[in-house]
């Protein structure tokens, strides 16, 4: 009887330890990733943290055709959520929505669309 009880307890411990929460391993998380949209006269960068995103916008302020330290840069922070391949980013009063497919993310807001690539 003691052997049967031991086997049942061991079996239950194995079953319950295999059923752990997936909250810490969110497969939809973009935490630690960087995405870049690089055009001729502007570079848009998204740097994702666990629940926030830093948006960096660099542009050719002096019109020399090269984006460098002498040019303009704006930075802001927002929040994001991912549901399957859908992403929503909220930054101030602006909400961007889009899709993620592999290393490509397309975001749209106010009728404009920007394509980012994972770096």
C-alpha atoms as a PDB file:
ATOM      1  CA  UNK A   1       0.000   0.000   0.000  1.00  0.00           C
ATOM      2  CA  UNK A   2       2.869   2.374   0.793  1.00  0.00           C
ATOM      3  CA  UNK A   3       4.337   1.740  -2.668  1.00  0.00           C
ATOM      4  CA  UNK A   4       1.001   2.519  -4.326  1.00  0.00           C
ATOM      5  CA  UNK A   5       0.659   5.764  -2.334  1.00  0.00           C
ATOM      6  CA  UNK A   6       4.232   6.765  -3.238  1.00  0.00           C
ATOM      7  CA  UNK A   7       3.633   6.062  -6.926  1.00  0.00           C
ATOM      8  CA  UNK A   8       0.401   8.096  -6.925  1.00  0.00           C
ATOM      9  CA  UNK A   9       2.073  11.055  -5.176  1.00  0.00           C
ATOM     10  CA  UNK A  10       5.028  10.933  -7.579  1.00  0.00           C
ATOM     11  CA  UNK A  11       2.680  10.733 -10.563  1.00  0.00           C
ATOM     12  CA  UNK A  12       0.619  13.701  -9.337  1.00  0.00           C
ATOM     13  CA  UNK A  13       3.762  15.785  -8.739  1.00  0.00           C
ATOM     14  CA  UNK A  14       4.938  15.061 -12.269  1.00  0.00           C
ATOM     15  CA  UNK A  15       1.577  15.935 -13.830  1.00  0.00           C
ATOM     16  CA  UNK A  16       1.182  19.213 -11.923  1.00  0.00           C
ATOM     17  CA  UNK A  17       4.752  20.366 -12.554  1.00  0.00           C
ATOM     18  CA  UNK A  18       4.235  19.884 -16.299  1.00  0.00           C
ATOM     19  CA  UNK A  19       1.212  22.224 -16.234  1.00  0.00           C
ATOM     20  CA  UNK A  20       2.934  25.510 -15.498  1.00  0.00           C
ATOM     21  CA  UNK A  21       1.684  28.952 -16.424  1.00  0.00           C
ATOM     22  CA  UNK A  22       2.734  30.396 -19.773  1.00  0.00           C
ATOM     23  CA  UNK A  23       2.508  34.007 -18.511  1.00  0.00           C
ATOM     24  CA  UNK A  24       6.291  34.385 -18.305  1.00  0.00           C
ATOM     25  CA  UNK A  25       6.816  32.936 -21.784  1.00  0.00           C
ATOM     26  CA  UNK A  26       4.496  35.124 -23.845  1.00  0.00           C
ATOM     27  CA  UNK A  27       5.268  34.066 -27.412  1.00  0.00           C
ATOM     28  CA  UNK A  28       3.692  37.302 -28.676  1.00  0.00           C
ATOM     29  CA  UNK A  29       6.057  39.532 -26.702  1.00  0.00           C
ATOM     30  CA  UNK A  30       8.328  41.844 -28.648  1.00  0.00           C
ATOM     31  CA  UNK A  31      10.429  42.522 -25.536  1.00  0.00           C
ATOM     32  CA  UNK A  32      14.032  43.293 -26.469  1.00  0.00           C
ATOM     33  CA  UNK A  33      13.445  43.595 -30.214  1.00  0.00           C
ATOM     34  CA  UNK A  34      14.232  46.563 -32.480  1.00  0.00           C
ATOM     35  CA  UNK A  35      12.400  47.338 -35.730  1.00  0.00           C
ATOM     36  CA  UNK A  36      13.513  49.929 -38.321  1.00  0.00           C
ATOM     37  CA  UNK A  37      11.835  51.703 -41.238  1.00  0.00           C
ATOM     38  CA  UNK A  38      14.599  53.321 -43.295  1.00  0.00           C
ATOM     39  CA  UNK A  39      13.628  55.794 -46.010  1.00  0.00           C
ATOM     40  CA  UNK A  40      15.895  58.201 -47.914  1.00  0.00           C
ATOM     41  CA  UNK A  41      15.188  61.206 -45.717  1.00  0.00           C
ATOM     42  CA  UNK A  42      14.010  59.630 -42.449  1.00  0.00           C
ATOM     43  CA  UNK A  43      14.615  56.658 -40.174  1.00  0.00           C
ATOM     44  CA  UNK A  44      11.930  55.402 -37.785  1.00  0.00           C
ATOM     45  CA  UNK A  45      12.988  52.995 -35.049  1.00  0.00           C
ATOM     46  CA  UNK A  46      10.832  51.045 -32.581  1.00  0.00           C
ATOM     47  CA  UNK A  47      12.569  49.594 -29.515  1.00  0.00           C
ATOM     48  CA  UNK A  48      10.278  47.274 -27.572  1.00  0.00           C
ATOM     49  CA  UNK A  49      10.452  46.634 -23.848  1.00  0.00           C
ATOM     50  CA  UNK A  50       8.117  44.347 -21.881  1.00  0.00           C
ATOM     51  CA  UNK A  51       5.016  46.588 -22.116  1.00  0.00           C
ATOM     52  CA  UNK A  52       6.357  49.820 -23.603  1.00  0.00           C
ATOM     53  CA  UNK A  53       7.912  50.908 -26.868  1.00  0.00           C
ATOM     54  CA  UNK A  54      10.376  53.717 -27.538  1.00  0.00           C
ATOM     55  CA  UNK A  55       9.770  55.478 -30.848  1.00  0.00           C
ATOM     56  CA  UNK A  56      12.783  57.240 -32.394  1.00  0.00           C
ATOM     57  CA  UNK A  57      12.333  59.454 -35.439  1.00  0.00           C
ATOM     58  CA  UNK A  58      15.454  60.745 -37.216  1.00  0.00           C
ATOM     59  CA  UNK A  59      15.251  63.041 -40.218  1.00  0.00           C
ATOM     60  CA  UNK A  60      17.469  64.963 -42.626  1.00  0.00           C
ATOM     61  CA  UNK A  61      17.015  68.408 -41.055  1.00  0.00           C
ATOM     62  CA  UNK A  62      19.764  70.158 -43.030  1.00  0.00           C
ATOM     63  CA  UNK A  63      18.734  68.681 -46.395  1.00  0.00           C
ATOM     64  CA  UNK A  64      22.154  67.301 -47.324  1.00  0.00           C
ATOM     65  CA  UNK A  65      20.723  63.869 -48.148  1.00  0.00           C
ATOM     66  CA  UNK A  66      22.471  62.152 -45.224  1.00  0.00           C
ATOM     67  CA  UNK A  67      20.984  61.431 -41.808  1.00  0.00           C
ATOM     68  CA  UNK A  68      23.630  61.940 -39.131  1.00  0.00           C
ATOM     69  CA  UNK A  69      24.190  63.477 -35.681  1.00  0.00           C
ATOM     70  CA  UNK A  70      23.802  67.018 -37.113  1.00  0.00           C
ATOM     71  CA  UNK A  71      20.206  66.265 -38.132  1.00  0.00           C
ATOM     72  CA  UNK A  72      16.989  66.186 -36.156  1.00  0.00           C
ATOM     73  CA  UNK A  73      15.820  63.451 -33.849  1.00  0.00           C
ATOM     74  CA  UNK A  74      12.640  63.054 -31.811  1.00  0.00           C
ATOM     75  CA  UNK A  75      11.985  60.363 -29.236  1.00  0.00           C
ATOM     76  CA  UNK A  76       8.819  59.350 -27.415  1.00  0.00           C
ATOM     77  CA  UNK A  77       7.444  56.412 -25.459  1.00  0.00           C
ATOM     78  CA  UNK A  78       4.187  54.530 -25.823  1.00  0.00           C
ATOM     79  CA  UNK A  79       2.542  51.254 -24.934  1.00  0.00           C
ATOM     80  CA  UNK A  80       1.778  48.275 -27.151  1.00  0.00           C
ATOM     81  CA  UNK A  81      -0.231  45.101 -27.228  1.00  0.00           C
ATOM     82  CA  UNK A  82       0.013  42.060 -29.473  1.00  0.00           C
ATOM     83  CA  UNK A  83      -2.820  39.650 -30.298  1.00  0.00           C
ATOM     84  CA  UNK A  84      -1.641  36.913 -32.654  1.00  0.00           C
ATOM     85  CA  UNK A  85      -0.212  38.733 -35.678  1.00  0.00           C
ATOM     86  CA  UNK A  86      -2.009  42.022 -34.821  1.00  0.00           C
ATOM     87  CA  UNK A  87      -0.234  44.871 -33.015  1.00  0.00           C
ATOM     88  CA  UNK A  88      -1.552  48.101 -31.519  1.00  0.00           C
ATOM     89  CA  UNK A  89       0.742  50.925 -30.416  1.00  0.00           C
ATOM     90  CA  UNK A  90      -0.555  53.891 -28.398  1.00  0.00           C
ATOM     91  CA  UNK A  91       1.605  56.982 -28.168  1.00  0.00           C
ATOM     92  CA  UNK A  92      -0.130  59.999 -26.702  1.00  0.00           C
ATOM     93  CA  UNK A  93      -3.333  60.581 -28.682  1.00  0.00           C
ATOM     94  CA  UNK A  94      -2.130  58.523 -31.676  1.00  0.00           C
ATOM     95  CA  UNK A  95      -3.020  54.849 -32.040  1.00  0.00           C
ATOM     96  CA  UNK A  96      -1.283  52.796 -34.733  1.00  0.00           C
ATOM     97  CA  UNK A  97      -2.498  49.362 -35.722  1.00  0.00           C
ATOM     98  CA  UNK A  98      -0.865  46.783 -37.914  1.00  0.00           C
ATOM     99  CA  UNK A  99       0.287  43.272 -38.578  1.00  0.00           C
ATOM    100  CA  UNK A 100       3.473  41.308 -37.987  1.00  0.00           C
ATOM    101  CA  UNK A 101       4.602  38.666 -40.447  1.00  0.00           C
ATOM    102  CA  UNK A 102       8.000  37.150 -39.719  1.00  0.00           C
ATOM    103  CA  UNK A 103      10.558  39.980 -39.718  1.00  0.00           C
ATOM    104  CA  UNK A 104       8.136  42.500 -41.259  1.00  0.00           C
ATOM    105  CA  UNK A 105       5.723  44.801 -39.414  1.00  0.00           C
ATOM    106  CA  UNK A 106       3.291  47.137 -41.201  1.00  0.00           C
ATOM    107  CA  UNK A 107       1.741  49.886 -39.048  1.00  0.00           C
ATOM    108  CA  UNK A 108      -0.991  52.307 -40.082  1.00  0.00           C
ATOM    109  CA  UNK A 109      -2.265  55.494 -38.438  1.00  0.00           C
ATOM    110  CA  UNK A 110      -4.192  58.457 -39.796  1.00  0.00           C
ATOM    111  CA  UNK A 111      -4.243  56.964 -43.304  1.00  0.00           C
ATOM    112  CA  UNK A 112      -0.443  56.546 -43.510  1.00  0.00           C
ATOM    113  CA  UNK A 113       1.330  53.197 -43.540  1.00  0.00           C
ATOM    114  CA  UNK A 114       4.948  52.447 -42.534  1.00  0.00           C
ATOM    115  CA  UNK A 115       6.789  49.140 -43.015  1.00  0.00           C
ATOM    116  CA  UNK A 116       9.357  48.140 -40.369  1.00  0.00           C
ATOM    117  CA  UNK A 117      11.891  45.323 -40.490  1.00  0.00           C
ATOM    118  CA  UNK A 118      13.260  43.488 -37.468  1.00  0.00           C
ATOM    119  CA  UNK A 119      16.951  44.081 -36.789  1.00  0.00           C
END
